[in-house]
Amino acid sequence: MTDIVVPGDLIGASEEYLAGEGTYEERGKIFSAITGTVETNKKDRTVRVLPVMKTPPVLKTGDIVVGRVVDLKNAVVLVDIARIKGQENREIANADQGAIHISNVKDSYVAKLDTEFDQQDIIKAKVIDEKSLRLSTVEKDLGVIKALCSRCRTPLVRKQNKLECPSCERIETRKISDDYGKGII
């Protein structure tokens, strides 16, 4: 049997099979608990339903995420988390706002956060605490991957360790990722 079933579909009788994963038994009948394909094992006489789709990813410590800076406080940058590296085509189940504390920006002293980030910057960061969604940009490949000029909103171009606006020629500083401007996550 390789049919696609949805929750509640009758799969078989408990006299024929034992209910396996993705199924449930009710009054001698076995039903699908999830959407998926039916798989029977004639050897141990079980039936199970294999999911068609994977469940949405959940953020874990060590994951690399991409997000947008939405607010700068005195000692914290707030980031709307959008995607997890390696699972860019999936929504995140527990995605919310992450926070980068001033001590997790880079491995040297940071006096003010507004010299490292600006609102609407697209950043790449590492999850260092999945429960409180604390993020870090200390590593070289983490930090701002796209930024707009704070004066004219034109995308900034990297020149050594600074960012320059091609329109108004303004020079800005950020905690720049090694991947800045490459479109690499």
Protein backbone atom coordinates (compact mmCIF):
# COMPACT_ATOMS: atom_id res chain seq x y z
CA MET A 1 0.00 0.00 0.00
CA THR A 2 1.53 3.39 -1.01
CA ASP A 3 -1.54 5.60 -0.94
CA ILE A 4 -1.49 9.15 0.39
CA VAL A 5 -3.78 9.55 3.36
CA VAL A 6 -4.95 12.46 5.50
CA PRO A 7 -5.78 12.47 9.22
CA GLY A 8 -8.85 10.35 9.91
CA ASP A 9 -8.56 8.12 6.83
CA LEU A 10 -9.21 4.43 7.49
CA ILE A 11 -6.05 2.40 6.85
CA GLY A 12 -6.98 -1.08 8.02
CA ALA A 13 -8.30 -3.31 10.76
CA SER A 14 -6.51 -4.17 13.98
CA GLU A 15 -7.02 -7.87 13.16
CA GLU A 16 -4.70 -7.43 10.16
CA TYR A 17 -2.08 -4.99 11.48
CA LEU A 18 -0.71 -3.32 14.58
CA ALA A 19 -0.95 0.48 14.62
CA GLY A 20 2.51 2.04 14.07
CA GLU A 21 3.81 5.62 14.03
CA GLY A 22 1.55 8.20 12.43
CA THR A 23 -1.56 6.09 13.12
CA TYR A 24 -4.05 5.45 15.89
CA GLU A 25 -6.46 2.63 16.69
CA GLU A 26 -10.12 3.13 17.53
CA ARG A 27 -12.74 0.37 17.93
CA GLY A 28 -10.73 -2.22 16.06
CA LYS A 29 -9.87 0.05 13.14
CA ILE A 30 -6.60 1.82 12.32
CA PHE A 31 -6.71 5.45 11.14
CA SER A 32 -4.12 7.90 9.88
CA ALA A 33 -3.06 10.55 12.39
CA ILE A 34 -1.07 12.61 9.85
CA THR A 35 -0.91 13.35 6.13
CA GLY A 36 1.50 10.97 4.47
CA THR A 37 2.09 7.69 2.69
CA VAL A 38 1.03 4.34 4.09
CA GLU A 39 3.75 1.77 4.68
CA THR A 40 3.03 -1.79 5.76
CA ASN A 41 5.50 -4.29 7.16
CA LYS A 42 4.30 -7.81 6.45
CA LYS A 43 7.04 -9.34 8.60
CA ASP A 44 5.97 -7.76 11.92
CA ARG A 45 2.43 -6.98 10.65
CA THR A 46 2.53 -3.23 11.37
CA VAL A 47 1.18 -0.30 9.41
CA ARG A 48 2.49 3.24 9.72
CA VAL A 49 2.12 6.60 7.98
CA LEU A 50 5.27 8.41 6.87
CA PRO A 51 4.83 12.20 6.78
CA VAL A 52 4.76 13.85 3.36
CA MET A 53 6.14 17.13 4.72
CA LYS A 54 8.72 17.76 7.38
CA THR A 55 7.74 19.74 10.42
CA PRO A 56 8.94 23.37 10.49
CA PRO A 57 12.46 23.79 11.87
CA VAL A 58 12.93 24.95 15.46
CA LEU A 59 15.81 27.22 16.46
CA LYS A 60 18.60 25.49 18.36
CA THR A 61 21.80 26.72 19.95
CA GLY A 62 24.48 26.87 17.26
CA ASP A 63 22.10 27.59 14.35
CA ILE A 64 23.11 30.39 11.97
CA VAL A 65 20.17 32.70 11.31
CA VAL A 66 19.40 35.63 9.03
CA GLY A 67 17.30 38.53 10.24
CA ARG A 68 16.59 42.25 10.08
CA VAL A 69 17.61 44.77 12.76
CA VAL A 70 14.38 46.34 14.05
CA ASP A 71 15.57 48.29 17.09
CA LEU A 72 18.71 49.48 18.83
CA LYS A 73 18.71 49.93 22.61
CA ASN A 74 21.62 51.02 24.83
CA ALA A 75 23.10 47.55 25.17
CA VAL A 76 20.92 45.34 22.93
CA VAL A 77 20.10 45.04 19.23
CA LEU A 78 16.68 43.52 18.47
CA VAL A 79 16.49 41.33 15.36
CA ASP A 80 13.45 39.86 13.58
CA ILE A 81 14.66 36.36 12.71
CA ALA A 82 13.66 35.27 9.20
CA ARG A 83 15.46 32.04 8.27
CA ILE A 84 17.89 29.36 9.44
CA LYS A 85 20.96 28.67 7.30
CA GLY A 86 20.45 25.43 5.39
CA GLN A 87 16.67 25.63 5.68
CA GLU A 88 16.06 28.90 3.85
CA ASN A 89 12.85 27.67 2.19
CA ARG A 90 11.11 26.88 5.49
CA GLU A 91 9.36 29.14 8.00
CA ILE A 92 10.75 28.81 11.53
CA ALA A 93 8.35 27.35 14.11
CA ASN A 94 9.58 29.41 17.07
CA ALA A 95 10.84 32.46 15.16
CA ASP A 96 10.46 35.70 16.98
CA GLN A 97 12.79 38.49 17.92
CA GLY A 98 16.33 37.65 18.85
CA ALA A 99 18.67 39.91 20.80
CA ILE A 100 22.35 40.65 20.39
CA HIS A 101 23.88 41.97 23.61
CA ILE A 102 26.66 44.53 23.20
CA SER A 103 29.14 41.96 24.60
CA ASN A 104 28.26 39.51 21.77
CA VAL A 105 28.80 41.88 18.83
CA LYS A 106 32.54 41.33 18.28
CA ASP A 107 35.60 40.16 20.18
CA SER A 108 36.79 43.70 20.92
CA TYR A 109 35.30 46.54 22.92
CA VAL A 110 32.10 48.10 21.54
CA ALA A 111 31.35 51.57 22.93
CA LYS A 112 28.07 52.19 21.06
CA LEU A 113 25.84 49.81 19.16
CA ASP A 114 24.90 52.38 16.51
CA THR A 115 28.48 52.18 15.15
CA GLU A 116 28.02 48.44 14.54
CA PHE A 117 24.38 48.18 13.37
CA ASP A 118 21.58 50.36 12.03
CA GLN A 119 17.86 49.77 11.69
CA GLN A 120 16.87 47.67 8.66
CA ASP A 121 20.35 46.08 8.33
CA ILE A 122 20.20 42.45 7.23
CA ILE A 123 22.45 40.40 9.48
CA LYS A 124 23.73 36.86 9.89
CA ALA A 125 24.12 35.69 13.50
CA LYS A 126 24.58 32.56 15.60
CA VAL A 127 22.02 31.43 18.20
CA ILE A 128 23.87 31.21 21.53
CA ASP A 129 20.81 30.64 23.74
CA GLU A 130 17.71 29.08 22.18
CA LYS A 131 15.42 29.75 25.16
CA SER A 132 15.94 33.54 25.33
CA LEU A 133 16.89 33.79 21.61
CA ARG A 134 20.24 35.42 22.33
CA LEU A 135 22.39 35.90 19.24
CA SER A 136 26.06 36.55 18.55
CA THR A 137 27.97 38.13 15.64
CA VAL A 138 31.47 37.66 17.09
CA GLU A 139 32.77 35.32 14.35
CA LYS A 140 34.22 36.80 11.11
CA ASP A 141 31.51 35.34 8.85
CA LEU A 142 28.76 36.84 11.05
CA GLY A 143 27.45 40.40 11.11
CA VAL A 144 25.83 42.75 8.62
CA ILE A 145 25.39 41.21 5.14
CA LYS A 146 23.38 44.09 3.64
CA ALA A 147 22.99 47.70 4.74
CA LEU A 148 21.38 50.88 3.45
CA CYS A 149 22.80 54.38 3.68
CA SER A 150 21.35 56.13 6.73
CA ARG A 151 21.04 59.36 4.73
CA CYS A 152 19.64 58.37 1.28
CA ARG A 153 18.72 54.65 1.79
CA THR A 154 20.91 53.47 -1.15
CA PRO A 155 22.56 50.04 -0.63
CA LEU A 156 26.06 50.51 0.80
CA VAL A 157 29.14 49.08 -0.94
CA ARG A 158 32.04 47.57 1.02
CA LYS A 159 35.41 49.37 0.82
CA GLN A 160 37.94 47.56 3.06
CA ASN A 161 36.40 47.64 6.57
CA LYS A 162 33.96 50.50 5.92
CA LEU A 163 30.78 50.90 3.91
CA GLU A 164 30.40 53.64 1.31
CA CYS A 165 27.26 55.00 -0.32
CA PRO A 166 27.64 55.16 -4.11
CA SER A 167 25.04 57.97 -4.30
CA CYS A 168 25.91 60.47 -1.58
CA GLU A 169 29.44 59.14 -0.82
CA ARG A 170 28.69 58.85 2.92
CA ILE A 171 31.05 56.50 4.82
CA GLU A 172 29.50 54.31 7.54
CA THR A 173 30.80 51.65 9.93
CA ARG A 174 29.18 48.33 10.78
CA LYS A 175 30.13 44.93 12.20
CA ILE A 176 30.54 43.60 8.63
CA SER A 177 30.34 39.89 7.79
CA ASP A 178 33.01 38.41 5.50
CA ASP A 179 30.05 37.64 3.19
CA TYR A 180 28.85 41.27 2.96
CA GLY A 181 27.21 42.04 -0.37
CA LYS A 182 27.67 38.54 -1.81
CA GLY A 183 24.13 37.32 -1.19
CA ILE A 184 25.53 34.29 0.65
CA ILE A 185 23.75 33.12 3.77
